[in-house]
PDB file of N, CA and C in Angstrom:
ATOM      1  N   MET A   1      20.078  80.148  74.189  1.00  0.00           N
ATOM      2  CA  MET A   1      20.648  78.830  74.257  1.00  0.00           C
ATOM      3  C   MET A   1      19.634  77.905  74.933  1.00  0.00           C
ATOM      4  N   GLN A   2      19.507  76.696  74.416  1.00  0.00           N
ATOM      5  CA  GLN A   2      18.580  75.734  75.009  1.00  0.00           C
ATOM      6  C   GLN A   2      19.332  74.736  75.887  1.00  0.00           C
ATOM      7  N   TYR A   3      18.697  74.373  76.996  1.00  0.00           N
ATOM      8  CA  TYR A   3      19.246  73.415  77.948  1.00  0.00           C
ATOM      9  C   TYR A   3      18.159  72.426  78.327  1.00  0.00           C
ATOM     10  N   MET A   4      18.567  71.209  78.682  1.00  0.00           N
ATOM     11  CA  MET A   4      17.619  70.209  79.167  1.00  0.00           C
ATOM     12  C   MET A   4      17.812  70.055  80.667  1.00  0.00           C
ATOM     13  N   LEU A   5      16.744  70.291  81.409  1.00  0.00           N
ATOM     14  CA  LEU A   5      16.737  70.026  82.847  1.00  0.00           C
ATOM     15  C   LEU A   5      16.148  68.635  83.035  1.00  0.00           C
ATOM     16  N   ILE A   6      16.931  67.705  83.530  1.00  0.00           N
ATOM     17  CA  ILE A   6      16.501  66.318  83.736  1.00  0.00           C
ATOM     18  C   ILE A   6      16.347  66.105  85.231  1.00  0.00           C
ATOM     19  N   PHE A   7      15.165  65.707  85.655  1.00  0.00           N
ATOM     20  CA  PHE A   7      14.853  65.573  87.075  1.00  0.00           C
ATOM     21  C   PHE A   7      14.971  64.125  87.513  1.00  0.00           C
ATOM     22  N   LYS A   8      15.860  63.876  88.472  1.00  0.00           N
ATOM     23  CA  LYS A   8      16.035  62.536  89.017  1.00  0.00           C
ATOM     24  C   LYS A   8      15.609  62.567  90.473  1.00  0.00           C
ATOM     25  N   GLU A   9      14.765  61.604  90.837  1.00  0.00           N
ATOM     26  CA  GLU A   9      14.228  61.544  92.200  1.00  0.00           C
ATOM     27  C   GLU A   9      14.592  60.215  92.847  1.00  0.00           C
ATOM     28  N   THR A  10      14.753  60.254  94.154  1.00  0.00           N
ATOM     29  CA  THR A  10      15.027  59.032  94.909  1.00  0.00           C
ATOM     30  C   THR A  10      13.732  58.238  95.081  1.00  0.00           C
ATOM     31  N   ASP A  11      13.877  56.989  95.482  1.00  0.00           N
ATOM     32  CA  ASP A  11      12.701  56.157  95.774  1.00  0.00           C
ATOM     33  C   ASP A  11      11.815  56.821  96.821  1.00  0.00           C
ATOM     34  N   ALA A  12      12.451  57.403  97.842  1.00  0.00           N
ATOM     35  CA  ALA A  12      11.689  58.046  98.917  1.00  0.00           C
ATOM     36  C   ALA A  12      10.863  59.217  98.379  1.00  0.00           C
ATOM     37  N   GLU A  13      11.458  60.019  97.511  1.00  0.00           N
ATOM     38  CA  GLU A  13      10.728  61.149  96.937  1.00  0.00           C
ATOM     39  C   GLU A  13       9.575  60.674  96.061  1.00  0.00           C
ATOM     40  N   ILE A  14       9.822  59.683  95.245  1.00  0.00           N
ATOM     41  CA  ILE A  14       8.760  59.157  94.384  1.00  0.00           C
ATOM     42  C   ILE A  14       7.631  58.573  95.229  1.00  0.00           C
ATOM     43  N   GLY A  15       7.982  57.973  96.362  1.00  0.00           N
ATOM     44  CA  GLY A  15       6.970  57.426  97.271  1.00  0.00           C
ATOM     45  C   GLY A  15       6.047  58.484  97.839  1.00  0.00           C
ATOM     46  N   ARG A  16       6.511  59.736  97.901  1.00  0.00           N
ATOM     47  CA  ARG A  16       5.688  60.830  98.423  1.00  0.00           C
ATOM     48  C   ARG A  16       4.510  61.140  97.500  1.00  0.00           C
ATOM     49  N   ARG A  17       4.615  60.781  96.231  1.00  0.00           N
ATOM     50  CA  ARG A  17       3.558  61.090  95.260  1.00  0.00           C
ATOM     51  C   ARG A  17       2.196  60.550  95.696  1.00  0.00           C
ATOM     52  N   ASP A  18       2.187  59.354  96.261  1.00  0.00           N
ATOM     53  CA  ASP A  18       0.933  58.692  96.612  1.00  0.00           C
ATOM     54  C   ASP A  18       0.689  58.595  98.109  1.00  0.00           C
ATOM     55  N   ASP A  19       1.580  59.143  98.918  1.00  0.00           N
ATOM     56  CA  ASP A  19       1.425  59.117 100.371  1.00  0.00           C
ATOM     57  C   ASP A  19       0.407  60.192 100.764  1.00  0.00           C
ATOM     58  N   PRO A  20      -0.709  59.801 101.400  1.00  0.00           N
ATOM     59  CA  PRO A  20      -1.746  60.785 101.717  1.00  0.00           C
ATOM     60  C   PRO A  20      -1.254  61.980 102.526  1.00  0.00           C
ATOM     61  N   GLU A  21      -0.265  61.774 103.376  1.00  0.00           N
ATOM     62  CA  GLU A  21       0.245  62.885 104.181  1.00  0.00           C
ATOM     63  C   GLU A  21       1.278  63.723 103.435  1.00  0.00           C
ATOM     64  N   ALA A  22       2.106  63.097 102.617  1.00  0.00           N
ATOM     65  CA  ALA A  22       3.202  63.798 101.945  1.00  0.00           C
ATOM     66  C   ALA A  22       2.839  64.337 100.561  1.00  0.00           C
ATOM     67  N   ALA A  23       1.831  63.737  99.933  1.00  0.00           N
ATOM     68  CA  ALA A  23       1.499  64.110  98.546  1.00  0.00           C
ATOM     69  C   ALA A  23       1.148  65.590  98.371  1.00  0.00           C
ATOM     70  N   PRO A  24       0.356  66.201  99.256  1.00  0.00           N
ATOM     71  CA  PRO A  24       0.033  67.614  99.026  1.00  0.00           C
ATOM     72  C   PRO A  24       1.267  68.518  98.959  1.00  0.00           C
ATOM     73  N   ALA A  25       2.223  68.304  99.841  1.00  0.00           N
ATOM     74  CA  ALA A  25       3.444  69.122  99.811  1.00  0.00           C
ATOM     75  C   ALA A  25       4.285  68.796  98.579  1.00  0.00           C
ATOM     76  N   TYR A  26       4.374  67.508  98.234  1.00  0.00           N
ATOM     77  CA  TYR A  26       5.145  67.085  97.063  1.00  0.00           C
ATOM     78  C   TYR A  26       4.589  67.734  95.804  1.00  0.00           C
ATOM     79  N   TRP A  27       3.289  67.532  95.573  1.00  0.00           N
ATOM     80  CA  TRP A  27       2.676  68.072  94.347  1.00  0.00           C
ATOM     81  C   TRP A  27       2.586  69.589  94.390  1.00  0.00           C
ATOM     82  N   GLY A  28       2.403  70.162  95.578  1.00  0.00           N
ATOM     83  CA  GLY A  28       2.363  71.618  95.695  1.00  0.00           C
ATOM     84  C   GLY A  28       3.684  72.246  95.272  1.00  0.00           C
ATOM     85  N   ALA A  29       4.795  71.645  95.694  1.00  0.00           N
ATOM     86  CA  ALA A  29       6.117  72.156  95.323  1.00  0.00           C
ATOM     87  C   ALA A  29       6.347  72.040  93.820  1.00  0.00           C
ATOM     88  N   TRP A  30       5.969  70.887  93.250  1.00  0.00           N
ATOM     89  CA  TRP A  30       6.153  70.720  91.803  1.00  0.00           C
ATOM     90  C   TRP A  30       5.236  71.652  91.015  1.00  0.00           C
ATOM     91  N   ASN A  31       3.993  71.789  91.436  1.00  0.00           N
ATOM     92  CA  ASN A  31       3.081  72.686  90.721  1.00  0.00           C
ATOM     93  C   ASN A  31       3.582  74.127  90.759  1.00  0.00           C
ATOM     94  N   ALA A  32       4.111  74.564  91.894  1.00  0.00           N
ATOM     95  CA  ALA A  32       4.649  75.924  92.001  1.00  0.00           C
ATOM     96  C   ALA A  32       5.866  76.094  91.084  1.00  0.00           C
ATOM     97  N   TYR A  33       6.739  75.105  91.077  1.00  0.00           N
ATOM     98  CA  TYR A  33       7.943  75.173  90.242  1.00  0.00           C
ATOM     99  C   TYR A  33       7.590  75.189  88.758  1.00  0.00           C
ATOM    100  N   VAL A  34       6.725  74.278  88.344  1.00  0.00           N
ATOM    101  CA  VAL A  34       6.328  74.208  86.937  1.00  0.00           C
ATOM    102  C   VAL A  34       5.595  75.485  86.532  1.00  0.00           C
ATOM    103  N   GLY A  35       4.744  75.994  87.407  1.00  0.00           N
ATOM    104  CA  GLY A  35       4.052  77.248  87.124  1.00  0.00           C
ATOM    105  C   GLY A  35       5.026  78.396  86.936  1.00  0.00           C
ATOM    106  N   ALA A  36       6.053  78.478  87.799  1.00  0.00           N
ATOM    107  CA  ALA A  36       7.059  79.542  87.680  1.00  0.00           C
ATOM    108  C   ALA A  36       7.850  79.417  86.389  1.00  0.00           C
ATOM    109  N   LEU A  37       8.195  78.179  86.010  1.00  0.00           N
ATOM    110  CA  LEU A  37       8.901  77.959  84.750  1.00  0.00           C
ATOM    111  C   LEU A  37       8.072  78.491  83.577  1.00  0.00           C
ATOM    112  N   HIS A  38       6.810  78.093  83.538  1.00  0.00           N
ATOM    113  CA  HIS A  38       5.941  78.510  82.430  1.00  0.00           C
ATOM    114  C   HIS A  38       5.726  80.019  82.432  1.00  0.00           C
ATOM    115  N   GLN A  39       5.488  80.604  83.596  1.00  0.00           N
ATOM    116  CA  GLN A  39       5.259  82.047  83.671  1.00  0.00           C
ATOM    117  C   GLN A  39       6.481  82.847  83.234  1.00  0.00           C
ATOM    118  N   SER A  40       7.669  82.290  83.434  1.00  0.00           N
ATOM    119  CA  SER A  40       8.892  83.005  83.052  1.00  0.00           C
ATOM    120  C   SER A  40       9.098  83.026  81.544  1.00  0.00           C
ATOM    121  N   GLY A  41       8.441  82.098  80.836  1.00  0.00           N
ATOM    122  CA  GLY A  41       8.580  82.033  79.383  1.00  0.00           C
ATOM    123  C   GLY A  41       9.785  81.249  78.891  1.00  0.00           C
ATOM    124  N   VAL A  42      10.512  80.560  79.781  1.00  0.00           N
ATOM    125  CA  VAL A  42      11.709  79.838  79.353  1.00  0.00           C
ATOM    126  C   VAL A  42      11.413  78.433  78.817  1.00  0.00           C
ATOM    127  N   VAL A  43      10.218  77.901  79.055  1.00  0.00           N
ATOM    128  CA  VAL A  43       9.917  76.521  78.672  1.00  0.00           C
ATOM    129  C   VAL A  43       9.744  76.401  77.159  1.00  0.00           C
ATOM    130  N   VAL A  44      10.507  75.489  76.570  1.00  0.00           N
ATOM    131  CA  VAL A  44      10.348  75.135  75.162  1.00  0.00           C
ATOM    132  C   VAL A  44       9.452  73.906  75.070  1.00  0.00           C
ATOM    133  N   SER A  45       9.717  72.905  75.910  1.00  0.00           N
ATOM    134  CA  SER A  45       8.893  71.694  75.987  1.00  0.00           C
ATOM    135  C   SER A  45       9.268  70.943  77.258  1.00  0.00           C
ATOM    136  N   GLY A  46       8.515  69.902  77.557  1.00  0.00           N
ATOM    137  CA  GLY A  46       8.821  69.082  78.726  1.00  0.00           C
ATOM    138  C   GLY A  46       7.728  68.079  78.997  1.00  0.00           C
ATOM    139  N   ASN A  47       8.062  67.090  79.795  1.00  0.00           N
ATOM    140  CA  ASN A  47       7.110  66.053  80.171  1.00  0.00           C
ATOM    141  C   ASN A  47       7.513  65.436  81.505  1.00  0.00           C
ATOM    142  N   GLY A  48       6.502  65.080  82.286  1.00  0.00           N
ATOM    143  CA  GLY A  48       6.721  64.254  83.461  1.00  0.00           C
ATOM    144  C   GLY A  48       6.622  62.803  83.021  1.00  0.00           C
ATOM    145  N   LEU A  49       7.203  61.921  83.784  1.00  0.00           N
ATOM    146  CA  LEU A  49       7.181  60.505  83.440  1.00  0.00           C
ATOM    147  C   LEU A  49       6.443  59.711  84.503  1.00  0.00           C
ATOM    148  N   GLN A  50       5.998  58.523  84.124  1.00  0.00           N
ATOM    149  CA  GLN A  50       5.331  57.631  85.057  1.00  0.00           C
ATOM    150  C   GLN A  50       6.328  57.141  86.103  1.00  0.00           C
ATOM    151  N   ALA A  51       5.829  56.631  87.196  1.00  0.00           N
ATOM    152  CA  ALA A  51       6.676  56.094  88.264  1.00  0.00           C
ATOM    153  C   ALA A  51       7.514  54.925  87.742  1.00  0.00           C
ATOM    154  N   PRO A  52       8.681  54.698  88.315  1.00  0.00           N
ATOM    155  CA  PRO A  52       9.589  53.660  87.831  1.00  0.00           C
ATOM    156  C   PRO A  52       8.995  52.257  87.769  1.00  0.00           C
ATOM    157  N   HIS A  53       8.076  51.939  88.665  1.00  0.00           N
ATOM    158  CA  HIS A  53       7.531  50.575  88.658  1.00  0.00           C
ATOM    159  C   HIS A  53       6.743  50.270  87.384  1.00  0.00           C
ATOM    160  N   THR A  54       6.424  51.270  86.585  1.00  0.00           N
ATOM    161  CA  THR A  54       5.701  51.048  85.334  1.00  0.00           C
ATOM    162  C   THR A  54       6.649  50.809  84.161  1.00  0.00           C
ATOM    163  N   ALA A  55       7.960  50.926  84.398  1.00  0.00           N
ATOM    164  CA  ALA A  55       8.953  50.847  83.327  1.00  0.00           C
ATOM    165  C   ALA A  55       9.168  49.423  82.828  1.00  0.00           C
ATOM    166  N   THR A  56       9.693  49.333  81.622  1.00  0.00           N
ATOM    167  CA  THR A  56      10.154  48.076  81.048  1.00  0.00           C
ATOM    168  C   THR A  56      11.527  48.345  80.450  1.00  0.00           C
ATOM    169  N   HIS A  57      12.472  47.503  80.778  1.00  0.00           N
ATOM    170  CA  HIS A  57      13.856  47.654  80.329  1.00  0.00           C
ATOM    171  C   HIS A  57      14.117  46.599  79.260  1.00  0.00           C
ATOM    172  N   VAL A  58      14.613  47.030  78.095  1.00  0.00           N
ATOM    173  CA  VAL A  58      14.881  46.113  76.982  1.00  0.00           C
ATOM    174  C   VAL A  58      16.374  46.138  76.668  1.00  0.00           C
ATOM    175  N   ARG A  59      16.937  44.953  76.487  1.00  0.00           N
ATOM    176  CA  ARG A  59      18.346  44.812  76.114  1.00  0.00           C
ATOM    177  C   ARG A  59      18.442  43.683  75.091  1.00  0.00           C
ATOM    178  N   VAL A  60      19.312  43.832  74.117  1.00  0.00           N
ATOM    179  CA  VAL A  60      19.561  42.768  73.152  1.00  0.00           C
ATOM    180  C   VAL A  60      20.956  42.234  73.434  1.00  0.00           C
ATOM    181  N   ASP A  61      21.019  40.936  73.715  1.00  0.00           N
ATOM    182  CA  ASP A  61      22.291  40.280  74.031  1.00  0.00           C
ATOM    183  C   ASP A  61      22.413  39.045  73.157  1.00  0.00           C
ATOM    184  N   GLY A  62      23.443  38.995  72.334  1.00  0.00           N
ATOM    185  CA  GLY A  62      23.634  37.847  71.448  1.00  0.00           C
ATOM    186  C   GLY A  62      22.496  37.695  70.457  1.00  0.00           C
ATOM    187  N   GLY A  63      21.907  38.807  70.054  1.00  0.00           N
ATOM    188  CA  GLY A  63      20.811  38.775  69.097  1.00  0.00           C
ATOM    189  C   GLY A  63      19.462  38.417  69.696  1.00  0.00           C
ATOM    190  N   LYS A  64      19.406  38.195  71.004  1.00  0.00           N
ATOM    191  CA  LYS A  64      18.151  37.847  71.671  1.00  0.00           C
ATOM    192  C   LYS A  64      17.686  38.998  72.546  1.00  0.00           C
ATOM    193  N   ARG A  65      16.426  39.300  72.425  1.00  0.00           N
ATOM    194  CA  ARG A  65      15.841  40.384  73.216  1.00  0.00           C
ATOM    195  C   ARG A  65      15.541  39.901  74.628  1.00  0.00           C
ATOM    196  N   GLN A  66      15.969  40.690  75.614  1.00  0.00           N
ATOM    197  CA  GLN A  66      15.674  40.405  77.010  1.00  0.00           C
ATOM    198  C   GLN A  66      14.840  41.566  77.538  1.00  0.00           C
ATOM    199  N   VAL A  67      13.733  41.245  78.159  1.00  0.00           N
ATOM    200  CA  VAL A  67      12.827  42.254  78.688  1.00  0.00           C
ATOM    201  C   VAL A  67      12.730  42.082  80.193  1.00  0.00           C
ATOM    202  N   GLN A  68      12.909  43.180  80.903  1.00  0.00           N
ATOM    203  CA  GLN A  68      12.829  43.169  82.366  1.00  0.00           C
ATOM    204  C   GLN A  68      11.821  44.232  82.786  1.00  0.00           C
ATOM    205  N   ASP A  69      10.857  43.850  83.582  1.00  0.00           N
ATOM    206  CA  ASP A  69       9.904  44.828  84.116  1.00  0.00           C
ATOM    207  C   ASP A  69      10.581  45.645  85.196  1.00  0.00           C
ATOM    208  N   GLY A  70      10.187  46.894  85.289  1.00  0.00           N
ATOM    209  CA  GLY A  70      10.724  47.774  86.316  1.00  0.00           C
ATOM    210  C   GLY A  70      11.864  48.614  85.789  1.00  0.00           C
ATOM    211  N   PRO A  71      12.380  49.483  86.656  1.00  0.00           N
ATOM    212  CA  PRO A  71      13.449  50.392  86.243  1.00  0.00           C
ATOM    213  C   PRO A  71      14.769  49.659  86.052  1.00  0.00           C
ATOM    214  N   PHE A  72      15.712  50.338  85.453  1.00  0.00           N
ATOM    215  CA  PHE A  72      17.053  49.797  85.267  1.00  0.00           C
ATOM    216  C   PHE A  72      17.621  49.392  86.622  1.00  0.00           C
ATOM    217  N   ALA A  73      18.215  48.240  86.692  1.00  0.00           N
ATOM    218  CA  ALA A  73      18.740  47.706  87.957  1.00  0.00           C
ATOM    219  C   ALA A  73      19.866  48.576  88.512  1.00  0.00           C
ATOM    220  N   ASP A  74      20.065  48.513  89.799  1.00  0.00           N
ATOM    221  CA  ASP A  74      21.163  49.177  90.499  1.00  0.00           C
ATOM    222  C   ASP A  74      21.142  50.691  90.403  1.00  0.00           C
ATOM    223  N   THR A  75      19.983  51.286  90.376  1.00  0.00           N
ATOM    224  CA  THR A  75      19.900  52.743  90.358  1.00  0.00           C
ATOM    225  C   THR A  75      19.328  53.244  91.673  1.00  0.00           C
ATOM    226  N   HIS A  76      19.785  54.400  92.105  1.00  0.00           N
ATOM    227  CA  HIS A  76      19.299  54.983  93.350  1.00  0.00           C
ATOM    228  C   HIS A  76      18.397  56.186  93.089  1.00  0.00           C
ATOM    229  N   GLU A  77      18.416  56.663  91.859  1.00  0.00           N
ATOM    230  CA  GLU A  77      17.548  57.766  91.457  1.00  0.00           C
ATOM    231  C   GLU A  77      16.829  57.356  90.185  1.00  0.00           C
ATOM    232  N   HIS A  78      15.643  57.895  90.002  1.00  0.00           N
ATOM    233  CA  HIS A  78      14.828  57.554  88.846  1.00  0.00           C
ATOM    234  C   HIS A  78      14.502  58.811  88.068  1.00  0.00           C
ATOM    235  N   LEU A  79      14.483  58.690  86.760  1.00  0.00           N
ATOM    236  CA  LEU A  79      14.145  59.811  85.900  1.00  0.00           C
ATOM    237  C   LEU A  79      12.667  60.134  86.073  1.00  0.00           C
ATOM    238  N   GLY A  80      12.392  61.342  86.547  1.00  0.00           N
ATOM    239  CA  GLY A  80      11.016  61.745  86.809  1.00  0.00           C
ATOM    240  C   GLY A  80      10.413  62.599  85.718  1.00  0.00           C
ATOM    241  N   GLY A  81      11.243  63.224  84.906  1.00  0.00           N
ATOM    242  CA  GLY A  81      10.756  64.076  83.836  1.00  0.00           C
ATOM    243  C   GLY A  81      11.827  65.045  83.396  1.00  0.00           C
ATOM    244  N   TYR A  82      11.450  65.940  82.507  1.00  0.00           N
ATOM    245  CA  TYR A  82      12.420  66.886  81.969  1.00  0.00           C
ATOM    246  C   TYR A  82      11.718  68.113  81.408  1.00  0.00           C
ATOM    247  N   PHE A  83      12.483  69.175  81.258  1.00  0.00           N
ATOM    248  CA  PHE A  83      12.062  70.362  80.527  1.00  0.00           C
ATOM    249  C   PHE A  83      13.209  70.768  79.620  1.00  0.00           C
ATOM    250  N   ILE A  84      12.883  71.215  78.428  1.00  0.00           N
ATOM    251  CA  ILE A  84      13.819  71.932  77.578  1.00  0.00           C
ATOM    252  C   ILE A  84      13.527  73.400  77.843  1.00  0.00           C
ATOM    253  N   VAL A  85      14.523  74.145  78.270  1.00  0.00           N
ATOM    254  CA  VAL A  85      14.345  75.568  78.551  1.00  0.00           C
ATOM    255  C   VAL A  85      15.268  76.372  77.647  1.00  0.00           C
ATOM    256  N   GLU A  86      14.857  77.576  77.353  1.00  0.00           N
ATOM    257  CA  GLU A  86      15.695  78.481  76.586  1.00  0.00           C
ATOM    258  C   GLU A  86      15.996  79.681  77.464  1.00  0.00           C
ATOM    259  N   THR A  87      17.272  79.846  77.779  1.00  0.00           N
ATOM    260  CA  THR A  87      17.707  80.924  78.660  1.00  0.00           C
ATOM    261  C   THR A  87      18.866  81.670  78.006  1.00  0.00           C
ATOM    262  N   ALA A  88      19.240  82.774  78.606  1.00  0.00           N
ATOM    263  CA  ALA A  88      20.343  83.581  78.074  1.00  0.00           C
ATOM    264  C   ALA A  88      21.682  82.859  78.174  1.00  0.00           C
ATOM    265  N   GLY A  89      21.801  81.933  79.109  1.00  0.00           N
ATOM    266  CA  GLY A  89      23.060  81.226  79.266  1.00  0.00           C
ATOM    267  C   GLY A  89      22.978  80.151  80.326  1.00  0.00           C
ATOM    268  N   LEU A  90      24.090  79.471  80.529  1.00  0.00           N
ATOM    269  CA  LEU A  90      24.149  78.356  81.466  1.00  0.00           C
ATOM    270  C   LEU A  90      23.802  78.777  82.889  1.00  0.00           C
ATOM    271  N   ASP A  91      24.255  79.944  83.310  1.00  0.00           N
ATOM    272  CA  ASP A  91      23.969  80.386  84.680  1.00  0.00           C
ATOM    273  C   ASP A  91      22.477  80.478  84.941  1.00  0.00           C
ATOM    274  N   ASP A  92      21.714  80.980  83.977  1.00  0.00           N
ATOM    275  CA  ASP A  92      20.256  81.062  84.137  1.00  0.00           C
ATOM    276  C   ASP A  92      19.635  79.667  84.196  1.00  0.00           C
ATOM    277  N   ALA A  93      20.100  78.755  83.346  1.00  0.00           N
ATOM    278  CA  ALA A  93      19.586  77.377  83.365  1.00  0.00           C
ATOM    279  C   ALA A  93      19.913  76.706  84.696  1.00  0.00           C
ATOM    280  N   LEU A  94      21.098  76.958  85.226  1.00  0.00           N
ATOM    281  CA  LEU A  94      21.480  76.387  86.517  1.00  0.00           C
ATOM    282  C   LEU A  94      20.621  76.936  87.650  1.00  0.00           C
ATOM    283  N   GLU A  95      20.234  78.196  87.551  1.00  0.00           N
ATOM    284  CA  GLU A  95      19.329  78.777  88.554  1.00  0.00           C
ATOM    285  C   GLU A  95      17.993  78.041  88.548  1.00  0.00           C
ATOM    286  N   TRP A  96      17.445  77.780  87.369  1.00  0.00           N
ATOM    287  CA  TRP A  96      16.183  77.039  87.279  1.00  0.00           C
ATOM    288  C   TRP A  96      16.361  75.614  87.800  1.00  0.00           C
ATOM    289  N   ALA A  97      17.467  74.982  87.478  1.00  0.00           N
ATOM    290  CA  ALA A  97      17.723  73.624  87.965  1.00  0.00           C
ATOM    291  C   ALA A  97      17.772  73.587  89.483  1.00  0.00           C
ATOM    292  N   ALA A  98      18.421  74.562  90.088  1.00  0.00           N
ATOM    293  CA  ALA A  98      18.558  74.595  91.548  1.00  0.00           C
ATOM    294  C   ALA A  98      17.223  74.814  92.245  1.00  0.00           C
ATOM    295  N   ARG A  99      16.264  75.401  91.557  1.00  0.00           N
ATOM    296  CA  ARG A  99      14.946  75.659  92.162  1.00  0.00           C
ATOM    297  C   ARG A  99      14.027  74.440  92.125  1.00  0.00           C
ATOM    298  N   ALA A 100      14.376  73.397  91.376  1.00  0.00           N
ATOM    299  CA  ALA A 100      13.517  72.214  91.264  1.00  0.00           C
ATOM    300  C   ALA A 100      13.357  71.532  92.612  1.00  0.00           C
ATOM    301  N   PRO A 101      12.146  71.064  92.942  1.00  0.00           N
ATOM    302  CA  PRO A 101      11.934  70.391  94.213  1.00  0.00           C
ATOM    303  C   PRO A 101      12.852  69.197  94.461  1.00  0.00           C
ATOM    304  N   CYS A 102      13.270  68.517  93.408  1.00  0.00           N
ATOM    305  CA  CYS A 102      14.108  67.330  93.595  1.00  0.00           C
ATOM    306  C   CYS A 102      15.592  67.651  93.699  1.00  0.00           C
ATOM    307  N   ALA A 103      15.979  68.914  93.565  1.00  0.00           N
ATOM    308  CA  ALA A 103      17.395  69.266  93.596  1.00  0.00           C
ATOM    309  C   ALA A 103      18.043  68.961  94.947  1.00  0.00           C
ATOM    310  N   SER A 104      17.281  68.996  96.023  1.00  0.00           N
ATOM    311  CA  SER A 104      17.858  68.746  97.340  1.00  0.00           C
ATOM    312  C   SER A 104      17.850  67.272  97.741  1.00  0.00           C
ATOM    313  N   ALA A 105      16.960  66.479  97.176  1.00  0.00           N
ATOM    314  CA  ALA A 105      16.885  65.062  97.542  1.00  0.00           C
ATOM    315  C   ALA A 105      17.386  64.144  96.428  1.00  0.00           C
ATOM    316  N   GLY A 106      17.262  64.586  95.201  1.00  0.00           N
ATOM    317  CA  GLY A 106      17.719  63.820  94.041  1.00  0.00           C
ATOM    318  C   GLY A 106      18.746  64.642  93.302  1.00  0.00           C
ATOM    319  N   SER A 107      18.487  64.896  92.022  1.00  0.00           N
ATOM    320  CA  SER A 107      19.391  65.750  91.264  1.00  0.00           C
ATOM    321  C   SER A 107      18.678  66.274  90.015  1.00  0.00           C
ATOM    322  N   VAL A 108      19.277  67.306  89.442  1.00  0.00           N
ATOM    323  CA  VAL A 108      18.789  67.883  88.182  1.00  0.00           C
ATOM    324  C   VAL A 108      19.979  68.018  87.267  1.00  0.00           C
TER     325      VAL A 108
END
């Protein structure tokens, strides 16, 4: 069975990406997690995403396109990336989700 693990991170967690003191631990945790996923053979596909400040939000209202720079308004977590995994069942997919670095500060 295939499942999508969607990683949502808080602003504080995303800020760790470029913080000289916090970045090594942040990227180290993600590299270990992604490495374990790949080594287990469950990964079908996946991608990380750019930081929210690079986003553009498009909406059509009354036939007119409205473009807003930045992430969707009023959100406390940002989509950081995803993996499609193939596991024996939901319990196995939930185990992988719980191991994600963002599971304790954001959500999966």
